Amino acid sequence: MENPKPTLTRKFIIIGGVILVIVCICACLIILISAGLIWFARENVPPTNSVQPTQTIDQQMDEIQQQVTQLRWLQAAIPITRTLLSPEQLRLNVTEDFLEDYSAEDAREDALILSAFGL
């Protein structure tokens, strides 16, 4: 008759080894995910407000353009022409851009949906 103790000991060693491997894999995954999150957080830190009150509007626009270029990793393909709009001009441009793609049918559907919610 075979002694059952060596078989039982072997099973415990195998189970212990499997558990140890699983724990090591989980620990490695946690470390890798943490390192990735730390790297991502450092890469996506919002720029500090470096615009000085004494800067001209053109200097402020240059600073904003530089920050956007760095954040998006994109360079302008062509030179950018800047125009400073008054609040009224900006409101008019936004309204025209919105209404350009907003048909009477869209307005009717929106009215039906809003009225269904009592708005």
PDB file of N, CA and C in Angstrom:
ATOM      1  N   MET A   1       0.822  -1.168   0.000  1.00  0.00           N
ATOM      2  CA  MET A   1       0.000   0.000   0.000  1.00  0.00           C
ATOM      3  C   MET A   1       0.877   1.247   0.000  1.00  0.00           C
ATOM      4  N   GLU A   2       0.440   2.253  -0.774  1.00  0.00           N
ATOM      5  CA  GLU A   2       1.214   3.481  -0.910  1.00  0.00           C
ATOM      6  C   GLU A   2       0.927   4.415   0.253  1.00  0.00           C
ATOM      7  N   ASN A   3       1.950   5.115   0.681  1.00  0.00           N
ATOM      8  CA  ASN A   3       1.818   6.059   1.792  1.00  0.00           C
ATOM      9  C   ASN A   3       1.134   7.330   1.279  1.00  0.00           C
ATOM     10  N   PRO A   4      -0.034   7.713   1.844  1.00  0.00           N
ATOM     11  CA  PRO A   4      -0.785   8.867   1.333  1.00  0.00           C
ATOM     12  C   PRO A   4      -0.146  10.208   1.691  1.00  0.00           C
ATOM     13  N   LYS A   5       0.741  10.272   2.646  1.00  0.00           N
ATOM     14  CA  LYS A   5       1.320  11.541   3.076  1.00  0.00           C
ATOM     15  C   LYS A   5       2.133  12.228   1.982  1.00  0.00           C
ATOM     16  N   PRO A   6       3.016  11.538   1.235  1.00  0.00           N
ATOM     17  CA  PRO A   6       3.761  12.238   0.182  1.00  0.00           C
ATOM     18  C   PRO A   6       2.836  12.835  -0.876  1.00  0.00           C
ATOM     19  N   THR A   7       1.748  12.154  -1.211  1.00  0.00           N
ATOM     20  CA  THR A   7       0.813  12.666  -2.202  1.00  0.00           C
ATOM     21  C   THR A   7       0.122  13.920  -1.671  1.00  0.00           C
ATOM     22  N   LEU A   8      -0.278  13.907  -0.431  1.00  0.00           N
ATOM     23  CA  LEU A   8      -0.926  15.064   0.185  1.00  0.00           C
ATOM     24  C   LEU A   8       0.043  16.236   0.273  1.00  0.00           C
ATOM     25  N   THR A   9       1.285  15.974   0.635  1.00  0.00           N
ATOM     26  CA  THR A   9       2.296  17.025   0.717  1.00  0.00           C
ATOM     27  C   THR A   9       2.549  17.613  -0.669  1.00  0.00           C
ATOM     28  N   ARG A  10       2.618  16.765  -1.668  1.00  0.00           N
ATOM     29  CA  ARG A  10       2.841  17.223  -3.034  1.00  0.00           C
ATOM     30  C   ARG A  10       1.691  18.123  -3.491  1.00  0.00           C
ATOM     31  N   LYS A  11       0.467  17.781  -3.137  1.00  0.00           N
ATOM     32  CA  LYS A  11      -0.692  18.598  -3.513  1.00  0.00           C
ATOM     33  C   LYS A  11      -0.607  19.974  -2.857  1.00  0.00           C
ATOM     34  N   PHE A  12      -0.214  20.004  -1.575  1.00  0.00           N
ATOM     35  CA  PHE A  12      -0.088  21.289  -0.880  1.00  0.00           C
ATOM     36  C   PHE A  12       1.008  22.157  -1.508  1.00  0.00           C
ATOM     37  N   ILE A  13       2.091  21.537  -1.913  1.00  0.00           N
ATOM     38  CA  ILE A  13       3.189  22.277  -2.549  1.00  0.00           C
ATOM     39  C   ILE A  13       2.727  22.845  -3.892  1.00  0.00           C
ATOM     40  N   ILE A  14       2.025  22.048  -4.664  1.00  0.00           N
ATOM     41  CA  ILE A  14       1.531  22.506  -5.969  1.00  0.00           C
ATOM     42  C   ILE A  14       0.512  23.635  -5.786  1.00  0.00           C
ATOM     43  N   ILE A  15      -0.428  23.449  -4.862  1.00  0.00           N
ATOM     44  CA  ILE A  15      -1.440  24.489  -4.611  1.00  0.00           C
ATOM     45  C   ILE A  15      -0.775  25.764  -4.105  1.00  0.00           C
ATOM     46  N   GLY A  16       0.180  25.616  -3.202  1.00  0.00           N
ATOM     47  CA  GLY A  16       0.906  26.780  -2.699  1.00  0.00           C
ATOM     48  C   GLY A  16       1.666  27.495  -3.811  1.00  0.00           C
ATOM     49  N   GLY A  17       2.289  26.737  -4.699  1.00  0.00           N
ATOM     50  CA  GLY A  17       3.007  27.323  -5.834  1.00  0.00           C
ATOM     51  C   GLY A  17       2.076  28.070  -6.770  1.00  0.00           C
ATOM     52  N   VAL A  18       0.916  27.486  -7.052  1.00  0.00           N
ATOM     53  CA  VAL A  18      -0.068  28.150  -7.919  1.00  0.00           C
ATOM     54  C   VAL A  18      -0.557  29.443  -7.280  1.00  0.00           C
ATOM     55  N   ILE A  19      -0.842  29.400  -5.990  1.00  0.00           N
ATOM     56  CA  ILE A  19      -1.294  30.607  -5.288  1.00  0.00           C
ATOM     57  C   ILE A  19      -0.204  31.668  -5.307  1.00  0.00           C
ATOM     58  N   LEU A  20       1.042  31.272  -5.104  1.00  0.00           N
ATOM     59  CA  LEU A  20       2.159  32.211  -5.135  1.00  0.00           C
ATOM     60  C   LEU A  20       2.306  32.857  -6.513  1.00  0.00           C
ATOM     61  N   VAL A  21       2.169  32.066  -7.566  1.00  0.00           N
ATOM     62  CA  VAL A  21       2.253  32.603  -8.929  1.00  0.00           C
ATOM     63  C   VAL A  21       1.120  33.596  -9.175  1.00  0.00           C
ATOM     64  N   ILE A  22      -0.099  33.272  -8.749  1.00  0.00           N
ATOM     65  CA  ILE A  22      -1.247  34.168  -8.931  1.00  0.00           C
ATOM     66  C   ILE A  22      -1.027  35.472  -8.172  1.00  0.00           C
ATOM     67  N   VAL A  23      -0.531  35.389  -6.951  1.00  0.00           N
ATOM     68  CA  VAL A  23      -0.272  36.595  -6.156  1.00  0.00           C
ATOM     69  C   VAL A  23       0.797  37.451  -6.829  1.00  0.00           C
ATOM     70  N   CYS A  24       1.840  36.823  -7.354  1.00  0.00           N
ATOM     71  CA  CYS A  24       2.901  37.576  -8.038  1.00  0.00           C
ATOM     72  C   CYS A  24       2.362  38.258  -9.290  1.00  0.00           C
ATOM     73  N   ILE A  25       1.548  37.578 -10.054  1.00  0.00           N
ATOM     74  CA  ILE A  25       0.963  38.174 -11.264  1.00  0.00           C
ATOM     75  C   ILE A  25       0.081  39.362 -10.892  1.00  0.00           C
ATOM     76  N   CYS A  26      -0.753  39.199  -9.867  1.00  0.00           N
ATOM     77  CA  CYS A  26      -1.620  40.302  -9.425  1.00  0.00           C
ATOM     78  C   CYS A  26      -0.789  41.492  -8.942  1.00  0.00           C
ATOM     79  N   ALA A  27       0.264  41.233  -8.201  1.00  0.00           N
ATOM     80  CA  ALA A  27       1.120  42.303  -7.714  1.00  0.00           C
ATOM     81  C   ALA A  27       1.780  43.037  -8.877  1.00  0.00           C
ATOM     82  N   CYS A  28       2.255  42.291  -9.867  1.00  0.00           N
ATOM     83  CA  CYS A  28       2.870  42.918 -11.045  1.00  0.00           C
ATOM     84  C   CYS A  28       1.857  43.766 -11.804  1.00  0.00           C
ATOM     85  N   LEU A  29       0.646  43.267 -11.962  1.00  0.00           N
ATOM     86  CA  LEU A  29      -0.391  44.036 -12.647  1.00  0.00           C
ATOM     87  C   LEU A  29      -0.702  45.325 -11.894  1.00  0.00           C
ATOM     88  N   ILE A  30      -0.807  45.244 -10.587  1.00  0.00           N
ATOM     89  CA  ILE A  30      -1.086  46.436  -9.776  1.00  0.00           C
ATOM     90  C   ILE A  30       0.041  47.448  -9.923  1.00  0.00           C
ATOM     91  N   ILE A  31       1.275  46.986  -9.897  1.00  0.00           N
ATOM     92  CA  ILE A  31       2.422  47.890 -10.044  1.00  0.00           C
ATOM     93  C   ILE A  31       2.425  48.529 -11.424  1.00  0.00           C
ATOM     94  N   LEU A  32       2.181  47.735 -12.469  1.00  0.00           N
ATOM     95  CA  LEU A  32       2.166  48.282 -13.829  1.00  0.00           C
ATOM     96  C   LEU A  32       1.038  49.278 -14.032  1.00  0.00           C
ATOM     97  N   ILE A  33      -0.141  48.973 -13.523  1.00  0.00           N
ATOM     98  CA  ILE A  33      -1.279  49.899 -13.655  1.00  0.00           C
ATOM     99  C   ILE A  33      -0.996  51.177 -12.884  1.00  0.00           C
ATOM    100  N   SER A  34      -0.460  51.055 -11.680  1.00  0.00           N
ATOM    101  CA  SER A  34      -0.137  52.249 -10.885  1.00  0.00           C
ATOM    102  C   SER A  34       0.899  53.110 -11.592  1.00  0.00           C
ATOM    103  N   ALA A  35       1.916  52.481 -12.138  1.00  0.00           N
ATOM    104  CA  ALA A  35       2.953  53.234 -12.854  1.00  0.00           C
ATOM    105  C   ALA A  35       2.358  53.924 -14.076  1.00  0.00           C
ATOM    106  N   GLY A  36       1.458  53.249 -14.770  1.00  0.00           N
ATOM    107  CA  GLY A  36       0.804  53.842 -15.935  1.00  0.00           C
ATOM    108  C   GLY A  36      -0.055  55.033 -15.550  1.00  0.00           C
ATOM    109  N   LEU A  37      -0.772  54.912 -14.451  1.00  0.00           N
ATOM    110  CA  LEU A  37      -1.622  56.025 -14.004  1.00  0.00           C
ATOM    111  C   LEU A  37      -0.776  57.214 -13.574  1.00  0.00           C
ATOM    112  N   ILE A  38       0.336  56.940 -12.910  1.00  0.00           N
ATOM    113  CA  ILE A  38       1.220  58.032 -12.492  1.00  0.00           C
ATOM    114  C   ILE A  38       1.798  58.726 -13.723  1.00  0.00           C
ATOM    115  N   TRP A  39       2.231  57.947 -14.714  1.00  0.00           N
ATOM    116  CA  TRP A  39       2.785  58.522 -15.936  1.00  0.00           C
ATOM    117  C   TRP A  39       1.727  59.345 -16.647  1.00  0.00           C
ATOM    118  N   PHE A  40       0.501  58.787 -16.753  1.00  0.00           N
ATOM    119  CA  PHE A  40      -0.589  59.488 -17.429  1.00  0.00           C
ATOM    120  C   PHE A  40      -0.912  60.790 -16.711  1.00  0.00           C
ATOM    121  N   ALA A  41      -0.933  60.761 -15.388  1.00  0.00           N
ATOM    122  CA  ALA A  41      -1.243  61.968 -14.616  1.00  0.00           C
ATOM    123  C   ALA A  41      -0.170  63.026 -14.819  1.00  0.00           C
ATOM    124  N   ARG A  42       1.083  62.612 -14.906  1.00  0.00           N
ATOM    125  CA  ARG A  42       2.173  63.583 -15.101  1.00  0.00           C
ATOM    126  C   ARG A  42       2.145  64.160 -16.503  1.00  0.00           C
ATOM    127  N   GLU A  43       1.777  63.348 -17.500  1.00  0.00           N
ATOM    128  CA  GLU A  43       1.748  63.818 -18.877  1.00  0.00           C
ATOM    129  C   GLU A  43       0.566  64.752 -19.129  1.00  0.00           C
ATOM    130  N   ASN A  44      -0.503  64.608 -18.360  1.00  0.00           N
ATOM    131  CA  ASN A  44      -1.714  65.379 -18.612  1.00  0.00           C
ATOM    132  C   ASN A  44      -1.974  66.441 -17.553  1.00  0.00           C
ATOM    133  N   VAL A  45      -0.923  66.970 -16.999  1.00  0.00           N
ATOM    134  CA  VAL A  45      -1.076  68.048 -16.037  1.00  0.00           C
ATOM    135  C   VAL A  45      -1.475  69.302 -16.795  1.00  0.00           C
ATOM    136  N   PRO A  46      -2.572  69.938 -16.392  1.00  0.00           N
ATOM    137  CA  PRO A  46      -2.971  71.146 -17.109  1.00  0.00           C
ATOM    138  C   PRO A  46      -1.908  72.227 -16.956  1.00  0.00           C
ATOM    139  N   PRO A  47      -1.728  73.013 -17.991  1.00  0.00           N
ATOM    140  CA  PRO A  47      -0.713  74.047 -17.911  1.00  0.00           C
ATOM    141  C   PRO A  47      -1.081  75.080 -16.857  1.00  0.00           C
ATOM    142  N   THR A  48      -0.066  75.621 -16.249  1.00  0.00           N
ATOM    143  CA  THR A  48      -0.317  76.671 -15.273  1.00  0.00           C
ATOM    144  C   THR A  48      -0.686  77.943 -16.007  1.00  0.00           C
ATOM    145  N   ASN A  49      -1.379  78.793 -15.337  1.00  0.00           N
ATOM    146  CA  ASN A  49      -1.787  80.048 -15.939  1.00  0.00           C
ATOM    147  C   ASN A  49      -0.577  80.968 -15.982  1.00  0.00           C
ATOM    148  N   SER A  50       0.150  80.886 -17.096  1.00  0.00           N
ATOM    149  CA  SER A  50       1.368  81.668 -17.210  1.00  0.00           C
ATOM    150  C   SER A  50       1.136  82.989 -17.925  1.00  0.00           C
ATOM    151  N   VAL A  51      -0.120  83.260 -18.281  1.00  0.00           N
ATOM    152  CA  VAL A  51      -0.420  84.517 -18.959  1.00  0.00           C
ATOM    153  C   VAL A  51      -0.334  85.642 -17.940  1.00  0.00           C
ATOM    154  N   GLN A  52       0.521  86.584 -18.232  1.00  0.00           N
ATOM    155  CA  GLN A  52       0.722  87.712 -17.330  1.00  0.00           C
ATOM    156  C   GLN A  52      -0.251  88.834 -17.689  1.00  0.00           C
ATOM    157  N   PRO A  53      -0.724  89.579 -16.694  1.00  0.00           N
ATOM    158  CA  PRO A  53      -1.664  90.655 -16.978  1.00  0.00           C
ATOM    159  C   PRO A  53      -1.067  91.739 -17.876  1.00  0.00           C
ATOM    160  N   THR A  54       0.240  91.834 -17.921  1.00  0.00           N
ATOM    161  CA  THR A  54       0.872  92.880 -18.724  1.00  0.00           C
ATOM    162  C   THR A  54       1.073  92.451 -20.172  1.00  0.00           C
ATOM    163  N   GLN A  55       0.774  91.190 -20.495  1.00  0.00           N
ATOM    164  CA  GLN A  55       0.947  90.720 -21.857  1.00  0.00           C
ATOM    165  C   GLN A  55      -0.124  91.322 -22.763  1.00  0.00           C
ATOM    166  N   THR A  56       0.252  91.542 -24.011  1.00  0.00           N
ATOM    167  CA  THR A  56      -0.727  92.010 -24.981  1.00  0.00           C
ATOM    168  C   THR A  56      -1.626  90.846 -25.372  1.00  0.00           C
ATOM    169  N   ILE A  57      -2.696  91.150 -26.066  1.00  0.00           N
ATOM    170  CA  ILE A  57      -3.621  90.101 -26.510  1.00  0.00           C
ATOM    171  C   ILE A  57      -2.903  89.139 -27.445  1.00  0.00           C
ATOM    172  N   ASP A  58      -2.059  89.661 -28.335  1.00  0.00           N
ATOM    173  CA  ASP A  58      -1.309  88.785 -29.246  1.00  0.00           C
ATOM    174  C   ASP A  58      -0.380  87.849 -28.477  1.00  0.00           C
ATOM    175  N   GLN A  59       0.274  88.361 -27.443  1.00  0.00           N
ATOM    176  CA  GLN A  59       1.152  87.512 -26.630  1.00  0.00           C
ATOM    177  C   GLN A  59       0.351  86.438 -25.911  1.00  0.00           C
ATOM    178  N   GLN A  60      -0.820  86.815 -25.422  1.00  0.00           N
ATOM    179  CA  GLN A  60      -1.677  85.834 -24.747  1.00  0.00           C
ATOM    180  C   GLN A  60      -2.136  84.760 -25.731  1.00  0.00           C
ATOM    181  N   MET A  61      -2.509  85.164 -26.937  1.00  0.00           N
ATOM    182  CA  MET A  61      -2.928  84.188 -27.955  1.00  0.00           C
ATOM    183  C   MET A  61      -1.773  83.264 -28.338  1.00  0.00           C
ATOM    184  N   ASP A  62      -0.559  83.826 -28.438  1.00  0.00           N
ATOM    185  CA  ASP A  62       0.619  83.000 -28.729  1.00  0.00           C
ATOM    186  C   ASP A  62       0.836  81.962 -27.634  1.00  0.00           C
ATOM    187  N   GLU A  63       0.684  82.378 -26.391  1.00  0.00           N
ATOM    188  CA  GLU A  63       0.853  81.473 -25.249  1.00  0.00           C
ATOM    189  C   GLU A  63      -0.194  80.362 -25.287  1.00  0.00           C
ATOM    190  N   ILE A  64      -1.433  80.715 -25.567  1.00  0.00           N
ATOM    191  CA  ILE A  64      -2.509  79.717 -25.640  1.00  0.00           C
ATOM    192  C   ILE A  64      -2.243  78.745 -26.785  1.00  0.00           C
ATOM    193  N   GLN A  65      -1.844  79.267 -27.940  1.00  0.00           N
ATOM    194  CA  GLN A  65      -1.551  78.417 -29.091  1.00  0.00           C
ATOM    195  C   GLN A  65      -0.412  77.450 -28.779  1.00  0.00           C
ATOM    196  N   GLN A  66       0.597  77.921 -28.100  1.00  0.00           N
ATOM    197  CA  GLN A  66       1.727  77.066 -27.735  1.00  0.00           C
ATOM    198  C   GLN A  66       1.271  75.956 -26.779  1.00  0.00           C
ATOM    199  N   GLN A  67       0.435  76.295 -25.815  1.00  0.00           N
ATOM    200  CA  GLN A  67      -0.051  75.292 -24.863  1.00  0.00           C
ATOM    201  C   GLN A  67      -0.912  74.246 -25.569  1.00  0.00           C
ATOM    202  N   VAL A  68      -1.774  74.684 -26.475  1.00  0.00           N
ATOM    203  CA  VAL A  68      -2.631  73.748 -27.212  1.00  0.00           C
ATOM    204  C   VAL A  68      -1.775  72.832 -28.085  1.00  0.00           C
ATOM    205  N   THR A  69      -0.762  73.394 -28.716  1.00  0.00           N
ATOM    206  CA  THR A  69       0.144  72.593 -29.551  1.00  0.00           C
ATOM    207  C   THR A  69       0.835  71.527 -28.713  1.00  0.00           C
ATOM    208  N   GLN A  70       1.274  71.880 -27.517  1.00  0.00           N
ATOM    209  CA  GLN A  70       1.948  70.911 -26.651  1.00  0.00           C
ATOM    210  C   GLN A  70       0.978  69.842 -26.153  1.00  0.00           C
ATOM    211  N   LEU A  71      -0.216  70.245 -25.760  1.00  0.00           N
ATOM    212  CA  LEU A  71      -1.180  69.285 -25.218  1.00  0.00           C
ATOM    213  C   LEU A  71      -1.667  68.297 -26.277  1.00  0.00           C
ATOM    214  N   ARG A  72      -1.894  68.789 -27.482  1.00  0.00           N
ATOM    215  CA  ARG A  72      -2.459  67.938 -28.536  1.00  0.00           C
ATOM    216  C   ARG A  72      -1.399  67.326 -29.437  1.00  0.00           C
ATOM    217  N   TRP A  73      -0.163  67.730 -29.277  1.00  0.00           N
ATOM    218  CA  TRP A  73       0.931  67.236 -30.089  1.00  0.00           C
ATOM    219  C   TRP A  73       0.668  67.472 -31.576  1.00  0.00           C
ATOM    220  N   LEU A  74       0.078  68.608 -31.885  1.00  0.00           N
ATOM    221  CA  LEU A  74      -0.237  68.957 -33.265  1.00  0.00           C
ATOM    222  C   LEU A  74       0.396  70.288 -33.621  1.00  0.00           C
ATOM    223  N   GLN A  75       0.861  70.389 -34.827  1.00  0.00           N
ATOM    224  CA  GLN A  75       1.382  71.640 -35.336  1.00  0.00           C
ATOM    225  C   GLN A  75       0.407  72.173 -36.375  1.00  0.00           C
ATOM    226  N   ALA A  76       0.284  73.478 -36.469  1.00  0.00           N
ATOM    227  CA  ALA A  76      -0.591  74.081 -37.469  1.00  0.00           C
ATOM    228  C   ALA A  76      -0.021  73.799 -38.851  1.00  0.00           C
ATOM    229  N   ALA A  77      -0.877  73.319 -39.750  1.00  0.00           N
ATOM    230  CA  ALA A  77      -0.433  73.002 -41.106  1.00  0.00           C
ATOM    231  C   ALA A  77      -0.232  74.275 -41.926  1.00  0.00           C
ATOM    232  N   ILE A  78      -1.010  75.292 -41.619  1.00  0.00           N
ATOM    233  CA  ILE A  78      -0.905  76.575 -42.315  1.00  0.00           C
ATOM    234  C   ILE A  78      -0.898  77.677 -41.266  1.00  0.00           C
ATOM    235  N   PRO A  79      -0.410  78.849 -41.626  1.00  0.00           N
ATOM    236  CA  PRO A  79      -0.442  79.952 -40.650  1.00  0.00           C
ATOM    237  C   PRO A  79      -1.880  80.278 -40.242  1.00  0.00           C
ATOM    238  N   ILE A  80      -2.051  80.624 -38.978  1.00  0.00           N
ATOM    239  CA  ILE A  80      -3.377  80.900 -38.441  1.00  0.00           C
ATOM    240  C   ILE A  80      -3.597  82.407 -38.434  1.00  0.00           C
ATOM    241  N   THR A  81      -4.714  82.824 -39.021  1.00  0.00           N
ATOM    242  CA  THR A  81      -5.093  84.236 -39.002  1.00  0.00           C
ATOM    243  C   THR A  81      -6.018  84.443 -37.819  1.00  0.00           C
ATOM    244  N   ARG A  82      -5.668  85.357 -36.954  1.00  0.00           N
ATOM    245  CA  ARG A  82      -6.462  85.600 -35.748  1.00  0.00           C
ATOM    246  C   ARG A  82      -7.302  86.854 -35.922  1.00  0.00           C
ATOM    247  N   THR A  83      -8.498  86.776 -35.365  1.00  0.00           N
ATOM    248  CA  THR A  83      -9.385  87.937 -35.353  1.00  0.00           C
ATOM    249  C   THR A  83     -10.027  88.006 -33.981  1.00  0.00           C
ATOM    250  N   LEU A  84      -9.948  89.126 -33.360  1.00  0.00           N
ATOM    251  CA  LEU A  84     -10.561  89.319 -32.057  1.00  0.00           C
ATOM    252  C   LEU A  84     -11.990  89.799 -32.268  1.00  0.00           C
ATOM    253  N   LEU A  85     -12.950  89.035 -31.761  1.00  0.00           N
ATOM    254  CA  LEU A  85     -14.366  89.353 -31.944  1.00  0.00           C
ATOM    255  C   LEU A  85     -14.918  90.028 -30.698  1.00  0.00           C
ATOM    256  N   SER A  86     -15.832  90.939 -30.930  1.00  0.00           N
ATOM    257  CA  SER A  86     -16.550  91.537 -29.803  1.00  0.00           C
ATOM    258  C   SER A  86     -17.556  90.503 -29.296  1.00  0.00           C
ATOM    259  N   PRO A  87     -18.066  90.670 -28.096  1.00  0.00           N
ATOM    260  CA  PRO A  87     -19.069  89.718 -27.598  1.00  0.00           C
ATOM    261  C   PRO A  87     -20.276  89.604 -28.525  1.00  0.00           C
ATOM    262  N   GLU A  88     -20.698  90.704 -29.121  1.00  0.00           N
ATOM    263  CA  GLU A  88     -21.850  90.676 -30.029  1.00  0.00           C
ATOM    264  C   GLU A  88     -21.514  89.903 -31.308  1.00  0.00           C
ATOM    265  N   GLN A  89     -20.303  90.108 -31.850  1.00  0.00           N
ATOM    266  CA  GLN A  89     -19.888  89.372 -33.049  1.00  0.00           C
ATOM    267  C   GLN A  89     -19.782  87.883 -32.758  1.00  0.00           C
ATOM    268  N   LEU A  90     -19.248  87.543 -31.596  1.00  0.00           N
ATOM    269  CA  LEU A  90     -19.116  86.143 -31.216  1.00  0.00           C
ATOM    270  C   LEU A  90     -20.492  85.492 -31.087  1.00  0.00           C
ATOM    271  N   ARG A  91     -21.436  86.182 -30.426  1.00  0.00           N
ATOM    272  CA  ARG A  91     -22.798  85.655 -30.276  1.00  0.00           C
ATOM    273  C   ARG A  91     -23.436  85.427 -31.642  1.00  0.00           C
ATOM    274  N   LEU A  92     -23.272  86.384 -32.540  1.00  0.00           N
ATOM    275  CA  LEU A  92     -23.838  86.276 -33.881  1.00  0.00           C
ATOM    276  C   LEU A  92     -23.217  85.107 -34.648  1.00  0.00           C
ATOM    277  N   ASN A  93     -21.891  84.938 -34.564  1.00  0.00           N
ATOM    278  CA  ASN A  93     -21.219  83.818 -35.246  1.00  0.00           C
ATOM    279  C   ASN A  93     -21.692  82.472 -34.723  1.00  0.00           C
ATOM    280  N   VAL A  94     -21.793  82.340 -33.422  1.00  0.00           N
ATOM    281  CA  VAL A  94     -22.222  81.068 -32.825  1.00  0.00           C
ATOM    282  C   VAL A  94     -23.666  80.759 -33.226  1.00  0.00           C
ATOM    283  N   THR A  95     -24.519  81.772 -33.186  1.00  0.00           N
ATOM    284  CA  THR A  95     -25.921  81.580 -33.569  1.00  0.00           C
ATOM    285  C   THR A  95     -26.027  81.160 -35.028  1.00  0.00           C
ATOM    286  N   GLU A  96     -25.296  81.833 -35.911  1.00  0.00           N
ATOM    287  CA  GLU A  96     -25.346  81.489 -37.340  1.00  0.00           C
ATOM    288  C   GLU A  96     -24.810  80.086 -37.590  1.00  0.00           C
ATOM    289  N   ASP A  97     -23.713  79.727 -36.921  1.00  0.00           N
ATOM    290  CA  ASP A  97     -23.154  78.381 -37.087  1.00  0.00           C
ATOM    291  C   ASP A  97     -24.139  77.320 -36.617  1.00  0.00           C
ATOM    292  N   PHE A  98     -24.836  77.589 -35.522  1.00  0.00           N
ATOM    293  CA  PHE A  98     -25.807  76.631 -35.000  1.00  0.00           C
ATOM    294  C   PHE A  98     -26.984  76.503 -35.958  1.00  0.00           C
ATOM    295  N   LEU A  99     -27.529  77.629 -36.394  1.00  0.00           N
ATOM    296  CA  LEU A  99     -28.709  77.595 -37.250  1.00  0.00           C
ATOM    297  C   LEU A  99     -28.410  77.054 -38.642  1.00  0.00           C
ATOM    298  N   GLU A 100     -27.166  77.083 -39.042  1.00  0.00           N
ATOM    299  CA  GLU A 100     -26.766  76.552 -40.341  1.00  0.00           C
ATOM    300  C   GLU A 100     -27.093  75.069 -40.448  1.00  0.00           C
ATOM    301  N   ASP A 101     -26.924  74.333 -39.366  1.00  0.00           N
ATOM    302  CA  ASP A 101     -27.172  72.888 -39.362  1.00  0.00           C
ATOM    303  C   ASP A 101     -28.464  72.504 -38.637  1.00  0.00           C
ATOM    304  N   TYR A 102     -29.220  73.475 -38.186  1.00  0.00           N
ATOM    305  CA  TYR A 102     -30.421  73.207 -37.388  1.00  0.00           C
ATOM    306  C   TYR A 102     -31.641  73.506 -38.249  1.00  0.00           C
ATOM    307  N   SER A 103     -32.251  72.448 -38.759  1.00  0.00           N
ATOM    308  CA  SER A 103     -33.377  72.612 -39.680  1.00  0.00           C
ATOM    309  C   SER A 103     -34.684  72.837 -38.921  1.00  0.00           C
ATOM    310  N   ALA A 104     -35.713  73.193 -39.677  1.00  0.00           N
ATOM    311  CA  ALA A 104     -37.047  73.367 -39.090  1.00  0.00           C
ATOM    312  C   ALA A 104     -37.548  72.030 -38.544  1.00  0.00           C
ATOM    313  N   GLU A 105     -37.188  70.947 -39.218  1.00  0.00           N
ATOM    314  CA  GLU A 105     -37.580  69.611 -38.742  1.00  0.00           C
ATOM    315  C   GLU A 105     -36.913  69.301 -37.399  1.00  0.00           C
ATOM    316  N   ASP A 106     -35.636  69.675 -37.250  1.00  0.00           N
ATOM    317  CA  ASP A 106     -34.939  69.488 -35.967  1.00  0.00           C
ATOM    318  C   ASP A 106     -35.628  70.284 -34.863  1.00  0.00           C
ATOM    319  N   ALA A 107     -36.027  71.507 -35.184  1.00  0.00           N
ATOM    320  CA  ALA A 107     -36.700  72.350 -34.198  1.00  0.00           C
ATOM    321  C   ALA A 107     -38.036  71.737 -33.788  1.00  0.00           C
ATOM    322  N   ARG A 108     -38.768  71.196 -34.763  1.00  0.00           N
ATOM    323  CA  ARG A 108     -40.063  70.572 -34.467  1.00  0.00           C
ATOM    324  C   ARG A 108     -39.872  69.355 -33.564  1.00  0.00           C
ATOM    325  N   GLU A 109     -38.881  68.520 -33.874  1.00  0.00           N
ATOM    326  CA  GLU A 109     -38.622  67.335 -33.053  1.00  0.00           C
ATOM    327  C   GLU A 109     -38.209  67.730 -31.635  1.00  0.00           C
ATOM    328  N   ASP A 110     -37.376  68.742 -31.517  1.00  0.00           N
ATOM    329  CA  ASP A 110     -36.962  69.203 -30.198  1.00  0.00           C
ATOM    330  C   ASP A 110     -38.146  69.729 -29.392  1.00  0.00           C
ATOM    331  N   ALA A 111     -39.047  70.454 -30.069  1.00  0.00           N
ATOM    332  CA  ALA A 111     -40.229  70.988 -29.386  1.00  0.00           C
ATOM    333  C   ALA A 111     -41.114  69.845 -28.882  1.00  0.00           C
ATOM    334  N   LEU A 112     -41.274  68.801 -29.686  1.00  0.00           N
ATOM    335  CA  LEU A 112     -42.088  67.651 -29.273  1.00  0.00           C
ATOM    336  C   LEU A 112     -41.464  66.943 -28.070  1.00  0.00           C
ATOM    337  N   ILE A 113     -40.155  66.741 -28.120  1.00  0.00           N
ATOM    338  CA  ILE A 113     -39.467  66.058 -27.030  1.00  0.00           C
ATOM    339  C   ILE A 113     -39.537  66.877 -25.752  1.00  0.00           C
ATOM    340  N   LEU A 114     -39.266  68.168 -25.846  1.00  0.00           N
ATOM    341  CA  LEU A 114     -39.305  69.030 -24.658  1.00  0.00           C
ATOM    342  C   LEU A 114     -40.710  69.126 -24.083  1.00  0.00           C
ATOM    343  N   SER A 115     -41.721  69.194 -24.956  1.00  0.00           N
ATOM    344  CA  SER A 115     -43.095  69.265 -24.440  1.00  0.00           C
ATOM    345  C   SER A 115     -43.499  67.943 -23.777  1.00  0.00           C
ATOM    346  N   ALA A 116     -42.947  66.833 -24.232  1.00  0.00           N
ATOM    347  CA  ALA A 116     -43.242  65.549 -23.601  1.00  0.00           C
ATOM    348  C   ALA A 116     -42.724  65.521 -22.166  1.00  0.00           C
ATOM    349  N   PHE A 117     -41.650  66.245 -21.912  1.00  0.00           N
ATOM    350  CA  PHE A 117     -41.098  66.334 -20.559  1.00  0.00           C
ATOM    351  C   PHE A 117     -41.646  67.523 -19.786  1.00  0.00           C
ATOM    352  N   GLY A 118     -42.586  68.238 -20.384  1.00  0.00           N
ATOM    353  CA  GLY A 118     -43.187  69.382 -19.689  1.00  0.00           C
ATOM    354  C   GLY A 118     -42.277  70.600 -19.658  1.00  0.00           C
ATOM    355  N   LEU A 119     -41.379  70.701 -20.588  1.00  0.00           N
ATOM    356  CA  LEU A 119     -40.461  71.842 -20.627  1.00  0.00           C
ATOM    357  C   LEU A 119     -40.808  72.809 -21.721  1.00  0.00           C
TER     358      LEU A 119
END
